[in-house]
Amino acid sequence: MPSSPNVAALGNWIRSWVQPCGAIHGFHNHPVWGANPYRWLDLTAGHSTWASPFLAGLAEAIQFKPDTRAKALLEQLIDFQSTSFAPNGHYKHIGFNAGEICQKGLIHNAVPNLSLGLTALRTRDWLPTRLFDQIRAAILRSMNEGCLRYGGGRPDCTAVANQDYARIWGKLLFMQAFEDRTWYEDRKSVV
């Protein structure tokens, strides 16, 4: 009979990546190229893009097994992610294997948006209003500034499918989590 995974050990390992400010430093593998900051000696790169699904996963885990420590950790992570922006409207620290020299990219903004959207959906019954509002403001800022640079905020003939799918998913999650129809009319011309 196979042994079950040691979830506590995994949780402790991932928790060890979280910095006091809420940033997530650790081994972030680039999902396409297989490169990672460890090979480039930059353990901070990508912690707001490729680490952001950790927020949604933690929020879901809290739904199944509420824990005050996990809630406090999630609040710390949300506070960092939802307020870390570069002047160009992109999330900060999105550079994956290129480190801090990478300051833009549609997928690098879409993934945190959908991660924050999923987090908002899972936590809206208990998350402090300040953080819930920060998530809303962060997604709007990213969509209206950072993501707007790509196709004017919509898929076009230059689009990369997976990146625009992630952007659209983020919009749908936003509308569901915040009961806000900001991009409702977009649905008519997305197909």
Protein backbone atom coordinates (compact mmCIF):
# COMPACT_ATOMS: atom_id res chain seq x y z
CA MET A 1 0.00 0.00 0.00
CA PRO A 2 1.51 3.37 -1.01
CA SER A 3 2.21 5.77 1.80
CA SER A 4 0.38 9.06 1.84
CA PRO A 5 2.43 12.21 1.32
CA ASN A 6 3.63 14.06 4.37
CA VAL A 7 1.60 17.22 3.89
CA ALA A 8 2.98 18.80 7.07
CA ALA A 9 6.56 18.41 5.84
CA LEU A 10 5.63 19.86 2.45
CA GLY A 11 3.85 22.76 4.15
CA ASN A 12 6.83 23.48 6.39
CA TRP A 13 9.18 23.40 3.41
CA ILE A 14 7.05 25.81 1.37
CA ARG A 15 6.50 28.02 4.44
CA SER A 16 10.28 28.33 4.79
CA TRP A 17 10.31 30.21 1.46
CA VAL A 18 8.08 33.02 2.76
CA GLN A 19 9.96 36.14 3.78
CA PRO A 20 8.80 38.46 6.59
CA CYS A 21 7.48 40.92 3.97
CA GLY A 22 5.34 38.21 2.34
CA ALA A 23 7.58 37.62 -0.68
CA ILE A 24 8.13 34.02 -1.66
CA HIS A 25 11.79 33.16 -2.27
CA GLY A 26 12.72 29.66 -3.29
CA PHE A 27 13.06 27.30 -6.19
CA HIS A 28 10.80 28.61 -8.96
CA ASN A 29 10.98 26.51 -12.06
CA HIS A 30 10.00 28.22 -15.30
CA PRO A 31 7.05 26.18 -16.58
CA VAL A 32 8.11 26.25 -20.23
CA TRP A 33 11.86 26.28 -20.45
CA GLY A 34 12.66 24.31 -17.35
CA ALA A 35 15.08 26.99 -16.21
CA ASN A 36 15.04 28.25 -12.66
CA PRO A 37 16.57 31.08 -10.64
CA TYR A 38 18.79 28.62 -8.77
CA ARG A 39 20.76 28.09 -11.96
CA TRP A 40 20.99 31.85 -12.44
CA LEU A 41 21.80 32.55 -8.77
CA ASP A 42 18.67 34.66 -8.28
CA LEU A 43 16.42 32.95 -5.75
CA THR A 44 13.99 35.88 -5.64
CA ALA A 45 13.05 36.00 -9.31
CA GLY A 46 9.52 35.16 -10.25
CA HIS A 47 8.18 35.09 -6.74
CA SER A 48 5.15 37.09 -7.67
CA THR A 49 4.30 35.19 -10.85
CA TRP A 50 5.14 31.53 -10.61
CA ALA A 51 4.77 31.41 -6.83
CA SER A 52 1.40 33.20 -6.77
CA PRO A 53 -0.68 30.01 -7.19
CA PHE A 54 0.52 29.14 -3.68
CA LEU A 55 -1.94 31.80 -2.41
CA ALA A 56 -4.89 30.13 -4.14
CA GLY A 57 -3.79 26.68 -2.96
CA LEU A 58 -3.41 27.87 0.61
CA ALA A 59 -6.83 29.55 0.48
CA GLU A 60 -8.39 26.30 -0.69
CA ALA A 61 -6.60 24.32 2.03
CA ILE A 62 -7.94 26.73 4.64
CA GLN A 63 -11.46 26.04 3.36
CA PHE A 64 -11.00 22.36 4.14
CA LYS A 65 -9.12 22.80 7.41
CA PRO A 66 -9.34 26.28 8.93
CA ASP A 67 -6.21 27.27 10.82
CA THR A 68 -5.37 30.67 12.30
CA ARG A 69 -1.68 30.33 11.41
CA ALA A 70 -2.50 29.50 7.81
CA LYS A 71 -4.90 32.44 7.62
CA ALA A 72 -2.22 34.79 8.99
CA LEU A 73 0.28 33.46 6.46
CA LEU A 74 -2.18 33.91 3.60
CA GLU A 75 -2.96 37.47 4.71
CA GLN A 76 0.78 38.23 4.72
CA LEU A 77 1.15 36.79 1.21
CA ILE A 78 -1.88 38.71 -0.09
CA ASP A 79 -0.60 41.95 1.38
CA PHE A 80 2.71 41.56 -0.46
CA GLN A 81 1.32 40.36 -3.77
CA SER A 82 -1.50 42.89 -4.01
CA THR A 83 0.74 45.91 -3.35
CA SER A 84 3.93 45.03 -5.24
CA PHE A 85 3.78 46.99 -8.49
CA ALA A 86 6.38 48.51 -10.76
CA PRO A 87 5.78 52.03 -12.12
CA ASN A 88 4.71 50.53 -15.48
CA GLY A 89 1.65 48.85 -13.90
CA HIS A 90 3.15 45.37 -13.97
CA TYR A 91 3.59 43.32 -10.84
CA LYS A 92 7.10 43.53 -9.42
CA HIS A 93 9.45 40.55 -9.28
CA ILE A 94 8.03 38.75 -12.31
CA GLY A 95 11.34 37.89 -13.92
CA PHE A 96 11.53 34.10 -13.47
CA ASN A 97 14.94 32.94 -14.73
CA ALA A 98 15.93 36.40 -16.05
CA GLY A 99 15.75 37.94 -12.60
CA GLU A 100 14.87 41.56 -12.04
CA ILE A 101 15.88 42.57 -15.56
CA CYS A 102 12.48 41.28 -16.72
CA GLN A 103 9.89 43.92 -15.87
CA LYS A 104 7.00 43.10 -18.22
CA GLY A 105 5.03 40.26 -19.74
CA LEU A 106 1.38 39.36 -20.18
CA ILE A 107 1.56 35.89 -18.64
CA HIS A 108 3.58 37.29 -15.75
CA ASN A 109 0.68 39.57 -14.86
CA ALA A 110 -2.14 37.22 -15.81
CA VAL A 111 -1.00 34.42 -13.48
CA PRO A 112 -0.95 36.63 -10.35
CA ASN A 113 -4.35 38.04 -11.39
CA LEU A 114 -5.95 34.64 -11.67
CA SER A 115 -4.21 33.48 -8.48
CA LEU A 116 -5.53 36.49 -6.59
CA GLY A 117 -8.97 35.99 -8.15
CA LEU A 118 -9.09 32.37 -6.99
CA THR A 119 -7.87 33.48 -3.56
CA ALA A 120 -10.63 36.10 -3.33
CA LEU A 121 -13.26 33.51 -4.26
CA ARG A 122 -12.08 31.15 -1.53
CA THR A 123 -11.68 33.76 1.22
CA ARG A 124 -14.45 36.30 0.73
CA ASP A 125 -16.36 35.01 3.76
CA TRP A 126 -13.52 35.66 6.19
CA LEU A 127 -10.76 37.77 4.62
CA PRO A 128 -10.46 41.25 6.18
CA THR A 129 -12.13 43.85 3.96
CA ARG A 130 -8.87 45.77 3.56
CA LEU A 131 -7.18 42.76 1.93
CA PHE A 132 -10.21 41.83 -0.16
CA ASP A 133 -10.28 45.41 -1.48
CA GLN A 134 -6.51 45.28 -2.12
CA ILE A 135 -6.97 42.17 -4.25
CA ARG A 136 -9.68 43.92 -6.25
CA ALA A 137 -7.54 47.04 -6.74
CA ALA A 138 -4.48 44.97 -7.70
CA ILE A 139 -6.31 43.00 -10.37
CA LEU A 140 -7.88 46.16 -11.79
CA ARG A 141 -4.52 47.94 -11.86
CA SER A 142 -2.80 45.02 -13.52
CA MET A 143 -5.55 44.55 -16.10
CA ASN A 144 -5.91 48.26 -16.85
CA GLU A 145 -2.22 49.13 -16.89
CA GLY A 146 0.13 46.15 -17.17
CA CYS A 147 -2.05 43.80 -19.23
CA LEU A 148 -3.50 46.58 -21.37
CA ARG A 149 -0.20 46.86 -23.24
CA TYR A 150 -0.87 43.52 -24.89
CA GLY A 151 -3.49 43.74 -27.63
CA GLY A 152 -5.14 46.74 -25.98
CA GLY A 153 -6.32 44.45 -23.20
CA ARG A 154 -7.85 41.88 -25.53
CA PRO A 155 -6.70 38.99 -27.70
CA ASP A 156 -5.55 40.08 -31.16
CA CYS A 157 -3.62 38.64 -34.11
CA THR A 158 -0.33 38.93 -32.18
CA ALA A 159 -1.64 37.14 -29.09
CA VAL A 160 -0.07 34.08 -27.53
CA ALA A 161 -3.00 31.78 -26.78
CA ASN A 162 -2.06 30.54 -23.30
CA GLN A 163 -1.28 34.08 -22.16
CA ASP A 164 -4.58 35.48 -23.34
CA TYR A 165 -6.45 32.48 -21.94
CA ALA A 166 -4.89 33.28 -18.57
CA ARG A 167 -5.89 36.94 -18.92
CA ILE A 168 -9.48 35.98 -19.79
CA TRP A 169 -9.60 33.50 -16.89
CA GLY A 170 -8.42 36.29 -14.58
CA LYS A 171 -11.20 38.56 -15.83
CA LEU A 172 -13.82 35.86 -15.33
CA LEU A 173 -12.57 35.14 -11.80
CA PHE A 174 -12.58 38.85 -10.99
CA MET A 175 -16.20 39.21 -12.14
CA GLN A 176 -17.21 36.17 -10.10
CA ALA A 177 -15.28 37.00 -6.94
CA PHE A 178 -16.29 40.65 -6.79
CA GLU A 179 -19.69 40.39 -8.49
CA ASP A 180 -18.40 43.10 -10.79
CA ARG A 181 -19.30 43.14 -14.49
CA THR A 182 -16.35 45.33 -15.53
CA TRP A 183 -15.45 43.14 -18.51
CA TYR A 184 -18.87 41.60 -19.09
CA GLU A 185 -19.26 43.17 -22.53
CA ASP A 186 -15.86 41.76 -23.56
CA ARG A 187 -17.38 38.31 -23.64
CA LYS A 188 -19.30 39.11 -26.83
CA SER A 189 -16.21 39.69 -28.92
CA VAL A 190 -13.67 37.33 -27.33
CA VAL A 191 -14.63 34.39 -29.55
